[in-house]
Amino acid sequence: MVNEIYEIYYDEEGDFLEITFGIPPETEYSDEIEPGIFITKDEKTNEIKGVGIIDFKKRYKILKETLNKLNINFPLNIS
């Protein structure tokens, strides 16, 4: 993921964080890989295009773990 485009969206009212990677695909689908954690994939290539976390404020530490599990090196430090 070198020189990728990243977009970060946070809905404070819904406490939902979504990070998308690269150019959005024409068609995509999402899978819930753990309760409250979703990955979005390109329907044609199956490439991971995004990660979403519900109740992010309570579970922010899980973002780094999830990105590591998916082999996504994201330039973000969360504390």
PDB file of N, CA and C in Angstrom:
ATOM      1  N   MET A   1       0.824  -1.194   0.000  1.00  0.00           N
ATOM      2  CA  MET A   1       0.000   0.000   0.000  1.00  0.00           C
ATOM      3  C   MET A   1       0.864   1.253   0.000  1.00  0.00           C
ATOM      4  N   VAL A   2       1.832   1.277  -0.836  1.00  0.00           N
ATOM      5  CA  VAL A   2       2.701   2.438  -0.949  1.00  0.00           C
ATOM      6  C   VAL A   2       2.018   3.478  -1.823  1.00  0.00           C
ATOM      7  N   ASN A   3       2.101   4.745  -1.409  1.00  0.00           N
ATOM      8  CA  ASN A   3       1.500   5.851  -2.153  1.00  0.00           C
ATOM      9  C   ASN A   3       0.009   5.644  -2.403  1.00  0.00           C
ATOM     10  N   GLU A   4      -0.668   5.064  -1.454  1.00  0.00           N
ATOM     11  CA  GLU A   4      -2.105   4.833  -1.567  1.00  0.00           C
ATOM     12  C   GLU A   4      -2.866   6.092  -1.173  1.00  0.00           C
ATOM     13  N   ILE A   5      -4.107   6.123  -1.577  1.00  0.00           N
ATOM     14  CA  ILE A   5      -5.034   7.154  -1.145  1.00  0.00           C
ATOM     15  C   ILE A   5      -5.796   6.573   0.040  1.00  0.00           C
ATOM     16  N   TYR A   6      -5.826   7.311   1.142  1.00  0.00           N
ATOM     17  CA  TYR A   6      -6.561   6.873   2.322  1.00  0.00           C
ATOM     18  C   TYR A   6      -7.636   7.906   2.620  1.00  0.00           C
ATOM     19  N   GLU A   7      -8.785   7.440   3.005  1.00  0.00           N
ATOM     20  CA  GLU A   7      -9.834   8.333   3.482  1.00  0.00           C
ATOM     21  C   GLU A   7     -10.294   7.815   4.829  1.00  0.00           C
ATOM     22  N   ILE A   8     -10.450   8.733   5.764  1.00  0.00           N
ATOM     23  CA  ILE A   8     -10.919   8.374   7.099  1.00  0.00           C
ATOM     24  C   ILE A   8     -12.226   9.116   7.348  1.00  0.00           C
ATOM     25  N   TYR A   9     -13.242   8.371   7.742  1.00  0.00           N
ATOM     26  CA  TYR A   9     -14.547   8.943   8.049  1.00  0.00           C
ATOM     27  C   TYR A   9     -14.913   8.514   9.466  1.00  0.00           C
ATOM     28  N   TYR A  10     -15.314   9.482  10.279  1.00  0.00           N
ATOM     29  CA  TYR A  10     -15.758   9.157  11.630  1.00  0.00           C
ATOM     30  C   TYR A  10     -17.105   9.812  11.880  1.00  0.00           C
ATOM     31  N   ASP A  11     -18.075   9.013  12.279  1.00  0.00           N
ATOM     32  CA  ASP A  11     -19.401   9.494  12.646  1.00  0.00           C
ATOM     33  C   ASP A  11     -19.455   9.519  14.168  1.00  0.00           C
ATOM     34  N   GLU A  12     -19.330  10.713  14.737  1.00  0.00           N
ATOM     35  CA  GLU A  12     -19.267  10.830  16.194  1.00  0.00           C
ATOM     36  C   GLU A  12     -20.576  10.395  16.853  1.00  0.00           C
ATOM     37  N   GLU A  13     -21.688  10.766  16.262  1.00  0.00           N
ATOM     38  CA  GLU A  13     -22.978  10.399  16.851  1.00  0.00           C
ATOM     39  C   GLU A  13     -23.169   8.883  16.869  1.00  0.00           C
ATOM     40  N   GLY A  14     -22.798   8.216  15.791  1.00  0.00           N
ATOM     41  CA  GLY A  14     -22.931   6.759  15.711  1.00  0.00           C
ATOM     42  C   GLY A  14     -21.710   6.018  16.207  1.00  0.00           C
ATOM     43  N   ASP A  15     -20.631   6.756  16.527  1.00  0.00           N
ATOM     44  CA  ASP A  15     -19.354   6.190  16.979  1.00  0.00           C
ATOM     45  C   ASP A  15     -18.875   5.091  16.028  1.00  0.00           C
ATOM     46  N   PHE A  16     -18.817   5.459  14.738  1.00  0.00           N
ATOM     47  CA  PHE A  16     -18.402   4.535  13.684  1.00  0.00           C
ATOM     48  C   PHE A  16     -17.218   5.130  12.937  1.00  0.00           C
ATOM     49  N   LEU A  17     -16.139   4.355  12.835  1.00  0.00           N
ATOM     50  CA  LEU A  17     -14.953   4.774  12.091  1.00  0.00           C
ATOM     51  C   LEU A  17     -14.828   3.904  10.855  1.00  0.00           C
ATOM     52  N   GLU A  18     -14.543   4.550   9.725  1.00  0.00           N
ATOM     53  CA  GLU A  18     -14.304   3.811   8.490  1.00  0.00           C
ATOM     54  C   GLU A  18     -13.057   4.371   7.817  1.00  0.00           C
ATOM     55  N   ILE A  19     -12.172   3.473   7.414  1.00  0.00           N
ATOM     56  CA  ILE A  19     -10.977   3.836   6.660  1.00  0.00           C
ATOM     57  C   ILE A  19     -11.073   3.131   5.319  1.00  0.00           C
ATOM     58  N   THR A  20     -10.910   3.897   4.238  1.00  0.00           N
ATOM     59  CA  THR A  20     -10.925   3.292   2.911  1.00  0.00           C
ATOM     60  C   THR A  20      -9.554   3.458   2.277  1.00  0.00           C
ATOM     61  N   PHE A  21      -9.207   2.508   1.425  1.00  0.00           N
ATOM     62  CA  PHE A  21      -7.892   2.459   0.796  1.00  0.00           C
ATOM     63  C   PHE A  21      -8.037   2.518  -0.718  1.00  0.00           C
ATOM     64  N   GLY A  22      -7.275   3.398  -1.338  1.00  0.00           N
ATOM     65  CA  GLY A  22      -7.239   3.447  -2.796  1.00  0.00           C
ATOM     66  C   GLY A  22      -8.490   4.031  -3.420  1.00  0.00           C
ATOM     67  N   ILE A  23      -8.594   3.832  -4.711  1.00  0.00           N
ATOM     68  CA  ILE A  23      -9.733   4.323  -5.480  1.00  0.00           C
ATOM     69  C   ILE A  23     -10.910   3.373  -5.257  1.00  0.00           C
ATOM     70  N   PRO A  24     -12.086   3.916  -4.956  1.00  0.00           N
ATOM     71  CA  PRO A  24     -13.244   3.046  -4.717  1.00  0.00           C
ATOM     72  C   PRO A  24     -13.553   2.178  -5.937  1.00  0.00           C
ATOM     73  N   PRO A  25     -13.875   0.916  -5.703  1.00  0.00           N
ATOM     74  CA  PRO A  25     -14.205   0.024  -6.822  1.00  0.00           C
ATOM     75  C   PRO A  25     -15.600   0.319  -7.368  1.00  0.00           C
ATOM     76  N   GLU A  26     -15.863  -0.201  -8.548  1.00  0.00           N
ATOM     77  CA  GLU A  26     -17.198  -0.045  -9.141  1.00  0.00           C
ATOM     78  C   GLU A  26     -18.241  -0.776  -8.312  1.00  0.00           C
ATOM     79  N   THR A  27     -17.906  -1.984  -7.884  1.00  0.00           N
ATOM     80  CA  THR A  27     -18.812  -2.759  -7.037  1.00  0.00           C
ATOM     81  C   THR A  27     -18.021  -3.328  -5.874  1.00  0.00           C
ATOM     82  N   GLU A  28     -18.665  -3.373  -4.721  1.00  0.00           N
ATOM     83  CA  GLU A  28     -17.991  -3.839  -3.517  1.00  0.00           C
ATOM     84  C   GLU A  28     -18.981  -4.573  -2.631  1.00  0.00           C
ATOM     85  N   TYR A  29     -18.429  -5.269  -1.642  1.00  0.00           N
ATOM     86  CA  TYR A  29     -19.269  -5.937  -0.648  1.00  0.00           C
ATOM     87  C   TYR A  29     -18.545  -5.879   0.687  1.00  0.00           C
ATOM     88  N   SER A  30     -19.283  -6.055   1.765  1.00  0.00           N
ATOM     89  CA  SER A  30     -18.704  -6.012   3.107  1.00  0.00           C
ATOM     90  C   SER A  30     -18.973  -7.314   3.838  1.00  0.00           C
ATOM     91  N   ASP A  31     -18.009  -7.702   4.669  1.00  0.00           N
ATOM     92  CA  ASP A  31     -18.131  -8.869   5.540  1.00  0.00           C
ATOM     93  C   ASP A  31     -17.863  -8.427   6.968  1.00  0.00           C
ATOM     94  N   GLU A  32     -18.632  -8.955   7.906  1.00  0.00           N
ATOM     95  CA  GLU A  32     -18.370  -8.717   9.324  1.00  0.00           C
ATOM     96  C   GLU A  32     -17.410  -9.810   9.776  1.00  0.00           C
ATOM     97  N   ILE A  33     -16.135  -9.441  10.011  1.00  0.00           N
ATOM     98  CA  ILE A  33     -15.119 -10.440  10.347  1.00  0.00           C
ATOM     99  C   ILE A  33     -15.090 -10.755  11.837  1.00  0.00           C
ATOM    100  N   GLU A  34     -15.560  -9.835  12.647  1.00  0.00           N
ATOM    101  CA  GLU A  34     -15.753 -10.007  14.085  1.00  0.00           C
ATOM    102  C   GLU A  34     -16.945  -9.132  14.431  1.00  0.00           C
ATOM    103  N   PRO A  35     -17.595  -9.360  15.559  1.00  0.00           N
ATOM    104  CA  PRO A  35     -18.732  -8.511  15.901  1.00  0.00           C
ATOM    105  C   PRO A  35     -18.351  -7.024  15.890  1.00  0.00           C
ATOM    106  N   GLY A  36     -19.020  -6.260  15.042  1.00  0.00           N
ATOM    107  CA  GLY A  36     -18.785  -4.824  14.960  1.00  0.00           C
ATOM    108  C   GLY A  36     -17.604  -4.399  14.114  1.00  0.00           C
ATOM    109  N   ILE A  37     -16.929  -5.343  13.454  1.00  0.00           N
ATOM    110  CA  ILE A  37     -15.778  -5.022  12.604  1.00  0.00           C
ATOM    111  C   ILE A  37     -16.065  -5.533  11.198  1.00  0.00           C
ATOM    112  N   PHE A  38     -16.015  -4.615  10.252  1.00  0.00           N
ATOM    113  CA  PHE A  38     -16.361  -4.936   8.874  1.00  0.00           C
ATOM    114  C   PHE A  38     -15.186  -4.650   7.944  1.00  0.00           C
ATOM    115  N   ILE A  39     -15.022  -5.489   6.931  1.00  0.00           N
ATOM    116  CA  ILE A  39     -14.076  -5.181   5.865  1.00  0.00           C
ATOM    117  C   ILE A  39     -14.873  -5.087   4.567  1.00  0.00           C
ATOM    118  N   THR A  40     -14.464  -4.147   3.742  1.00  0.00           N
ATOM    119  CA  THR A  40     -15.087  -3.956   2.439  1.00  0.00           C
ATOM    120  C   THR A  40     -14.099  -4.402   1.384  1.00  0.00           C
ATOM    121  N   LYS A  41     -14.580  -5.193   0.419  1.00  0.00           N
ATOM    122  CA  LYS A  41     -13.709  -5.721  -0.631  1.00  0.00           C
ATOM    123  C   LYS A  41     -14.241  -5.359  -2.011  1.00  0.00           C
ATOM    124  N   ASP A  42     -13.311  -5.236  -2.947  1.00  0.00           N
ATOM    125  CA  ASP A  42     -13.647  -5.059  -4.356  1.00  0.00           C
ATOM    126  C   ASP A  42     -14.275  -6.362  -4.841  1.00  0.00           C
ATOM    127  N   GLU A  43     -15.455  -6.284  -5.420  1.00  0.00           N
ATOM    128  CA  GLU A  43     -16.160  -7.491  -5.849  1.00  0.00           C
ATOM    129  C   GLU A  43     -15.414  -8.240  -6.952  1.00  0.00           C
ATOM    130  N   LYS A  44     -14.707  -7.524  -7.820  1.00  0.00           N
ATOM    131  CA  LYS A  44     -13.997  -8.170  -8.933  1.00  0.00           C
ATOM    132  C   LYS A  44     -12.666  -8.776  -8.502  1.00  0.00           C
ATOM    133  N   THR A  45     -11.885  -8.043  -7.689  1.00  0.00           N
ATOM    134  CA  THR A  45     -10.525  -8.487  -7.350  1.00  0.00           C
ATOM    135  C   THR A  45     -10.417  -9.110  -5.969  1.00  0.00           C
ATOM    136  N   ASN A  46     -11.441  -8.919  -5.129  1.00  0.00           N
ATOM    137  CA  ASN A  46     -11.434  -9.385  -3.744  1.00  0.00           C
ATOM    138  C   ASN A  46     -10.401  -8.640  -2.887  1.00  0.00           C
ATOM    139  N   GLU A  47      -9.868  -7.537  -3.395  1.00  0.00           N
ATOM    140  CA  GLU A  47      -8.897  -6.722  -2.654  1.00  0.00           C
ATOM    141  C   GLU A  47      -9.618  -5.956  -1.545  1.00  0.00           C
ATOM    142  N   ILE A  48      -9.005  -5.895  -0.372  1.00  0.00           N
ATOM    143  CA  ILE A  48      -9.582  -5.154   0.746  1.00  0.00           C
ATOM    144  C   ILE A  48      -9.513  -3.666   0.430  1.00  0.00           C
ATOM    145  N   LYS A  49     -10.662  -3.001   0.522  1.00  0.00           N
ATOM    146  CA  LYS A  49     -10.754  -1.581   0.196  1.00  0.00           C
ATOM    147  C   LYS A  49     -11.163  -0.731   1.391  1.00  0.00           C
ATOM    148  N   GLY A  50     -11.495  -1.367   2.525  1.00  0.00           N
ATOM    149  CA  GLY A  50     -11.890  -0.577   3.674  1.00  0.00           C
ATOM    150  C   GLY A  50     -12.088  -1.415   4.921  1.00  0.00           C
ATOM    151  N   VAL A  51     -12.029  -0.719   6.062  1.00  0.00           N
ATOM    152  CA  VAL A  51     -12.266  -1.329   7.367  1.00  0.00           C
ATOM    153  C   VAL A  51     -13.195  -0.392   8.130  1.00  0.00           C
ATOM    154  N   GLY A  52     -14.218  -0.946   8.769  1.00  0.00           N
ATOM    155  CA  GLY A  52     -15.135  -0.159   9.579  1.00  0.00           C
ATOM    156  C   GLY A  52     -15.282  -0.767  10.961  1.00  0.00           C
ATOM    157  N   ILE A  53     -15.381   0.105  11.976  1.00  0.00           N
ATOM    158  CA  ILE A  53     -15.515  -0.366  13.359  1.00  0.00           C
ATOM    159  C   ILE A  53     -16.647   0.395  14.043  1.00  0.00           C
ATOM    160  N   ILE A  54     -17.615  -0.361  14.555  1.00  0.00           N
ATOM    161  CA  ILE A  54     -18.715   0.198  15.341  1.00  0.00           C
ATOM    162  C   ILE A  54     -18.245   0.309  16.790  1.00  0.00           C
ATOM    163  N   ASP A  55     -18.735   1.312  17.522  1.00  0.00           N
ATOM    164  CA  ASP A  55     -18.321   1.580  18.915  1.00  0.00           C
ATOM    165  C   ASP A  55     -16.823   1.820  18.990  1.00  0.00           C
ATOM    166  N   PHE A  56     -16.320   2.645  18.094  1.00  0.00           N
ATOM    167  CA  PHE A  56     -14.882   2.857  17.964  1.00  0.00           C
ATOM    168  C   PHE A  56     -14.239   3.398  19.239  1.00  0.00           C
ATOM    169  N   LYS A  57     -14.866   4.340  19.924  1.00  0.00           N
ATOM    170  CA  LYS A  57     -14.251   4.930  21.123  1.00  0.00           C
ATOM    171  C   LYS A  57     -13.957   3.877  22.189  1.00  0.00           C
ATOM    172  N   LYS A  58     -14.809   2.874  22.288  1.00  0.00           N
ATOM    173  CA  LYS A  58     -14.615   1.817  23.276  1.00  0.00           C
ATOM    174  C   LYS A  58     -13.604   0.777  22.805  1.00  0.00           C
ATOM    175  N   ARG A  59     -13.377   0.721  21.479  1.00  0.00           N
ATOM    176  CA  ARG A  59     -12.592  -0.381  20.931  1.00  0.00           C
ATOM    177  C   ARG A  59     -11.474   0.093  20.003  1.00  0.00           C
ATOM    178  N   TYR A  60     -10.967   1.306  20.199  1.00  0.00           N
ATOM    179  CA  TYR A  60      -9.987   1.856  19.259  1.00  0.00           C
ATOM    180  C   TYR A  60      -8.728   1.006  19.136  1.00  0.00           C
ATOM    181  N   LYS A  61      -8.349   0.302  20.187  1.00  0.00           N
ATOM    182  CA  LYS A  61      -7.130  -0.522  20.132  1.00  0.00           C
ATOM    183  C   LYS A  61      -7.267  -1.680  19.147  1.00  0.00           C
ATOM    184  N   ILE A  62      -8.480  -2.098  18.892  1.00  0.00           N
ATOM    185  CA  ILE A  62      -8.698  -3.219  17.985  1.00  0.00           C
ATOM    186  C   ILE A  62      -8.390  -2.844  16.534  1.00  0.00           C
ATOM    187  N   LEU A  63      -8.389  -1.550  16.203  1.00  0.00           N
ATOM    188  CA  LEU A  63      -8.101  -1.138  14.826  1.00  0.00           C
ATOM    189  C   LEU A  63      -6.713  -1.579  14.402  1.00  0.00           C
ATOM    190  N   LYS A  64      -5.719  -1.312  15.225  1.00  0.00           N
ATOM    191  CA  LYS A  64      -4.346  -1.702  14.882  1.00  0.00           C
ATOM    192  C   LYS A  64      -4.227  -3.222  14.752  1.00  0.00           C
ATOM    193  N   GLU A  65      -4.838  -3.956  15.664  1.00  0.00           N
ATOM    194  CA  GLU A  65      -4.812  -5.423  15.602  1.00  0.00           C
ATOM    195  C   GLU A  65      -5.465  -5.924  14.316  1.00  0.00           C
ATOM    196  N   THR A  66      -6.594  -5.331  13.962  1.00  0.00           N
ATOM    197  CA  THR A  66      -7.305  -5.744  12.746  1.00  0.00           C
ATOM    198  C   THR A  66      -6.477  -5.460  11.504  1.00  0.00           C
ATOM    199  N   LEU A  67      -5.882  -4.273  11.427  1.00  0.00           N
ATOM    200  CA  LEU A  67      -5.049  -3.938  10.269  1.00  0.00           C
ATOM    201  C   LEU A  67      -3.859  -4.882  10.165  1.00  0.00           C
ATOM    202  N   ASN A  68      -3.254  -5.232  11.296  1.00  0.00           N
ATOM    203  CA  ASN A  68      -2.136  -6.182  11.280  1.00  0.00           C
ATOM    204  C   ASN A  68      -2.583  -7.555  10.788  1.00  0.00           C
ATOM    205  N   LYS A  69      -3.740  -8.034  11.248  1.00  0.00           N
ATOM    206  CA  LYS A  69      -4.260  -9.331  10.810  1.00  0.00           C
ATOM    207  C   LYS A  69      -4.487  -9.362   9.302  1.00  0.00           C
ATOM    208  N   LEU A  70      -4.873  -8.218   8.744  1.00  0.00           N
ATOM    209  CA  LEU A  70      -5.173  -8.130   7.314  1.00  0.00           C
ATOM    210  C   LEU A  70      -3.943  -7.757   6.486  1.00  0.00           C
ATOM    211  N   ASN A  71      -2.772  -7.680   7.139  1.00  0.00           N
ATOM    212  CA  ASN A  71      -1.524  -7.284   6.476  1.00  0.00           C
ATOM    213  C   ASN A  71      -1.619  -5.917   5.818  1.00  0.00           C
ATOM    214  N   ILE A  72      -2.269  -4.983   6.495  1.00  0.00           N
ATOM    215  CA  ILE A  72      -2.388  -3.620   5.998  1.00  0.00           C
ATOM    216  C   ILE A  72      -1.496  -2.734   6.850  1.00  0.00           C
ATOM    217  N   ASN A  73      -0.501  -2.141   6.220  1.00  0.00           N
ATOM    218  CA  ASN A  73       0.407  -1.225   6.897  1.00  0.00           C
ATOM    219  C   ASN A  73      -0.136   0.181   6.710  1.00  0.00           C
ATOM    220  N   PHE A  74      -0.792   0.684   7.730  1.00  0.00           N
ATOM    221  CA  PHE A  74      -1.443   1.987   7.652  1.00  0.00           C
ATOM    222  C   PHE A  74      -0.668   2.981   8.497  1.00  0.00           C
ATOM    223  N   PRO A  75      -0.293   4.129   7.937  1.00  0.00           N
ATOM    224  CA  PRO A  75       0.519   5.108   8.669  1.00  0.00           C
ATOM    225  C   PRO A  75      -0.310   5.894   9.678  1.00  0.00           C
ATOM    226  N   LEU A  76      -0.656   5.233  10.784  1.00  0.00           N
ATOM    227  CA  LEU A  76      -1.518   5.851  11.771  1.00  0.00           C
ATOM    228  C   LEU A  76      -1.087   5.406  13.155  1.00  0.00           C
ATOM    229  N   ASN A  77      -0.965   6.360  14.056  1.00  0.00           N
ATOM    230  CA  ASN A  77      -0.637   6.048  15.439  1.00  0.00           C
ATOM    231  C   ASN A  77      -1.844   6.421  16.281  1.00  0.00           C
ATOM    232  N   ILE A  78      -2.424   5.457  16.937  1.00  0.00           N
ATOM    233  CA  ILE A  78      -3.611   5.682  17.756  1.00  0.00           C
ATOM    234  C   ILE A  78      -3.241   5.463  19.205  1.00  0.00           C
ATOM    235  N   SER A  79      -3.590   6.450  20.029  1.00  0.00           N
ATOM    236  CA  SER A  79      -3.315   6.292  21.462  1.00  0.00           C
ATOM    237  C   SER A  79      -4.502   6.741  22.281  1.00  0.00           C
TER     238      SER A  79
END
